[in-house]
């Protein structure tokens, strides 16, 4: 499977992944900050798309910039979810 395919699958799974991270941390008493949840989501997606192998294979040439971009994608998905009916379901 190509890196691009893995990347797109990882990005496509973000909404459910973010919801899972939220649920997991709520079950622990909700003591995690937004930044900790964000870092967890980035780590899980990074693992799913196999960033380490992509760096070694030179498919990712700037790991820092790639991770920063992934963080922006996570932030965008969270913003969309927070502006949607999903957020209303979390508040009730």
C-alpha atoms as a PDB file:
ATOM      1  CA  UNK A   1       0.000   0.000   0.000  1.00  0.00           C
ATOM      2  CA  UNK A   2       1.409   3.384  -0.951  1.00  0.00           C
ATOM      3  CA  UNK A   3       2.103   6.112   1.548  1.00  0.00           C
ATOM      4  CA  UNK A   4      -0.520   8.358  -0.052  1.00  0.00           C
ATOM      5  CA  UNK A   5      -3.174   5.660   0.385  1.00  0.00           C
ATOM      6  CA  UNK A   6      -2.234   5.203   4.052  1.00  0.00           C
ATOM      7  CA  UNK A   7      -2.211   8.966   4.580  1.00  0.00           C
ATOM      8  CA  UNK A   8      -5.670   9.441   3.067  1.00  0.00           C
ATOM      9  CA  UNK A   9      -7.077   6.566   5.120  1.00  0.00           C
ATOM     10  CA  UNK A  10      -5.574   8.060   8.269  1.00  0.00           C
ATOM     11  CA  UNK A  11      -7.041  11.493   7.539  1.00  0.00           C
ATOM     12  CA  UNK A  12     -10.393   9.918   6.665  1.00  0.00           C
ATOM     13  CA  UNK A  13     -10.485   8.192  10.031  1.00  0.00           C
ATOM     14  CA  UNK A  14      -9.848  11.400  11.998  1.00  0.00           C
ATOM     15  CA  UNK A  15     -13.444  12.230  12.989  1.00  0.00           C
ATOM     16  CA  UNK A  16     -14.041   8.837  14.585  1.00  0.00           C
ATOM     17  CA  UNK A  17     -10.533   8.795  16.027  1.00  0.00           C
ATOM     18  CA  UNK A  18     -11.053  12.189  17.665  1.00  0.00           C
ATOM     19  CA  UNK A  19     -14.380  11.060  19.072  1.00  0.00           C
ATOM     20  CA  UNK A  20     -12.650   7.948  20.437  1.00  0.00           C
ATOM     21  CA  UNK A  21      -9.923  10.009  22.104  1.00  0.00           C
ATOM     22  CA  UNK A  22     -12.607  12.271  23.638  1.00  0.00           C
ATOM     23  CA  UNK A  23     -14.536   9.261  24.956  1.00  0.00           C
ATOM     24  CA  UNK A  24     -11.414   7.613  26.312  1.00  0.00           C
ATOM     25  CA  UNK A  25     -10.369  10.697  28.239  1.00  0.00           C
ATOM     26  CA  UNK A  26     -13.912  11.333  29.496  1.00  0.00           C
ATOM     27  CA  UNK A  27     -13.919   7.793  30.904  1.00  0.00           C
ATOM     28  CA  UNK A  28     -10.728   8.694  32.788  1.00  0.00           C
ATOM     29  CA  UNK A  29     -12.492  11.601  34.462  1.00  0.00           C
ATOM     30  CA  UNK A  30     -11.920  14.248  31.790  1.00  0.00           C
ATOM     31  CA  UNK A  31      -8.609  15.413  33.248  1.00  0.00           C
ATOM     32  CA  UNK A  32      -6.794  15.773  29.912  1.00  0.00           C
ATOM     33  CA  UNK A  33      -6.341  19.132  28.231  1.00  0.00           C
ATOM     34  CA  UNK A  34      -7.208  19.865  24.631  1.00  0.00           C
ATOM     35  CA  UNK A  35      -3.503  19.860  23.785  1.00  0.00           C
ATOM     36  CA  UNK A  36      -3.031  16.407  25.328  1.00  0.00           C
ATOM     37  CA  UNK A  37      -5.992  15.092  23.327  1.00  0.00           C
ATOM     38  CA  UNK A  38      -4.562  16.700  20.181  1.00  0.00           C
ATOM     39  CA  UNK A  39      -1.154  15.094  20.732  1.00  0.00           C
ATOM     40  CA  UNK A  40      -2.815  11.704  21.293  1.00  0.00           C
ATOM     41  CA  UNK A  41      -4.755  12.030  18.021  1.00  0.00           C
ATOM     42  CA  UNK A  42      -1.600  13.034  16.118  1.00  0.00           C
ATOM     43  CA  UNK A  43       0.330  10.098  17.585  1.00  0.00           C
ATOM     44  CA  UNK A  44      -2.402   7.614  16.692  1.00  0.00           C
ATOM     45  CA  UNK A  45      -2.744   8.892  13.120  1.00  0.00           C
ATOM     46  CA  UNK A  46       1.046   9.004  12.780  1.00  0.00           C
ATOM     47  CA  UNK A  47       1.171   5.398  13.830  1.00  0.00           C
ATOM     48  CA  UNK A  48      -1.656   4.429  11.477  1.00  0.00           C
ATOM     49  CA  UNK A  49       0.043   5.984   8.474  1.00  0.00           C
ATOM     50  CA  UNK A  50       3.415   4.634   9.554  1.00  0.00           C
ATOM     51  CA  UNK A  51       5.314   7.928   9.619  1.00  0.00           C
ATOM     52  CA  UNK A  52       8.511   6.263  10.830  1.00  0.00           C
ATOM     53  CA  UNK A  53       8.652   3.986   7.785  1.00  0.00           C
ATOM     54  CA  UNK A  54       7.686   6.875   5.495  1.00  0.00           C
ATOM     55  CA  UNK A  55      10.615   8.924   6.830  1.00  0.00           C
ATOM     56  CA  UNK A  56      13.021   6.019   6.351  1.00  0.00           C
ATOM     57  CA  UNK A  57      11.724   5.451   2.810  1.00  0.00           C
ATOM     58  CA  UNK A  58      12.129   9.202   2.121  1.00  0.00           C
ATOM     59  CA  UNK A  59       8.391   9.571   1.431  1.00  0.00           C
ATOM     60  CA  UNK A  60       8.381  12.215   4.176  1.00  0.00           C
ATOM     61  CA  UNK A  61      11.432  14.442   3.883  1.00  0.00           C
ATOM     62  CA  UNK A  62      10.659  16.916   6.689  1.00  0.00           C
ATOM     63  CA  UNK A  63       9.156  15.109   9.676  1.00  0.00           C
ATOM     64  CA  UNK A  64       8.651  18.307  11.678  1.00  0.00           C
ATOM     65  CA  UNK A  65       6.776  20.052   8.916  1.00  0.00           C
ATOM     66  CA  UNK A  66       4.734  16.926   8.208  1.00  0.00           C
ATOM     67  CA  UNK A  67       3.740  16.594  11.871  1.00  0.00           C
ATOM     68  CA  UNK A  68       2.866  20.296  12.023  1.00  0.00           C
ATOM     69  CA  UNK A  69       0.646  19.870   8.966  1.00  0.00           C
ATOM     70  CA  UNK A  70      -0.984  16.825  10.514  1.00  0.00           C
ATOM     71  CA  UNK A  71      -1.662  18.922  13.607  1.00  0.00           C
ATOM     72  CA  UNK A  72      -3.390  21.530  11.453  1.00  0.00           C
ATOM     73  CA  UNK A  73      -5.579  18.822   9.925  1.00  0.00           C
ATOM     74  CA  UNK A  74      -6.493  17.547  13.414  1.00  0.00           C
ATOM     75  CA  UNK A  75      -7.283  21.117  14.516  1.00  0.00           C
ATOM     76  CA  UNK A  76      -9.487  21.617  11.455  1.00  0.00           C
ATOM     77  CA  UNK A  77     -11.414  18.395  12.044  1.00  0.00           C
ATOM     78  CA  UNK A  78     -11.937  19.343  15.700  1.00  0.00           C
ATOM     79  CA  UNK A  79     -13.173  22.811  14.640  1.00  0.00           C
ATOM     80  CA  UNK A  80     -15.651  21.204  12.213  1.00  0.00           C
ATOM     81  CA  UNK A  81     -16.855  18.732  14.830  1.00  0.00           C
ATOM     82  CA  UNK A  82     -17.236  21.477  17.453  1.00  0.00           C
ATOM     83  CA  UNK A  83     -19.327  23.516  14.992  1.00  0.00           C
ATOM     84  CA  UNK A  84     -21.601  20.571  14.232  1.00  0.00           C
ATOM     85  CA  UNK A  85     -24.367  18.581  15.826  1.00  0.00           C
ATOM     86  CA  UNK A  86     -21.639  16.290  17.235  1.00  0.00           C
ATOM     87  CA  UNK A  87     -20.680  18.986  19.755  1.00  0.00           C
ATOM     88  CA  UNK A  88     -24.290  19.389  20.838  1.00  0.00           C
ATOM     89  CA  UNK A  89     -24.430  15.649  21.566  1.00  0.00           C
ATOM     90  CA  UNK A  90     -21.339  15.963  23.756  1.00  0.00           C
ATOM     91  CA  UNK A  91     -22.844  18.816  25.801  1.00  0.00           C
ATOM     92  CA  UNK A  92     -25.988  16.912  26.796  1.00  0.00           C
END
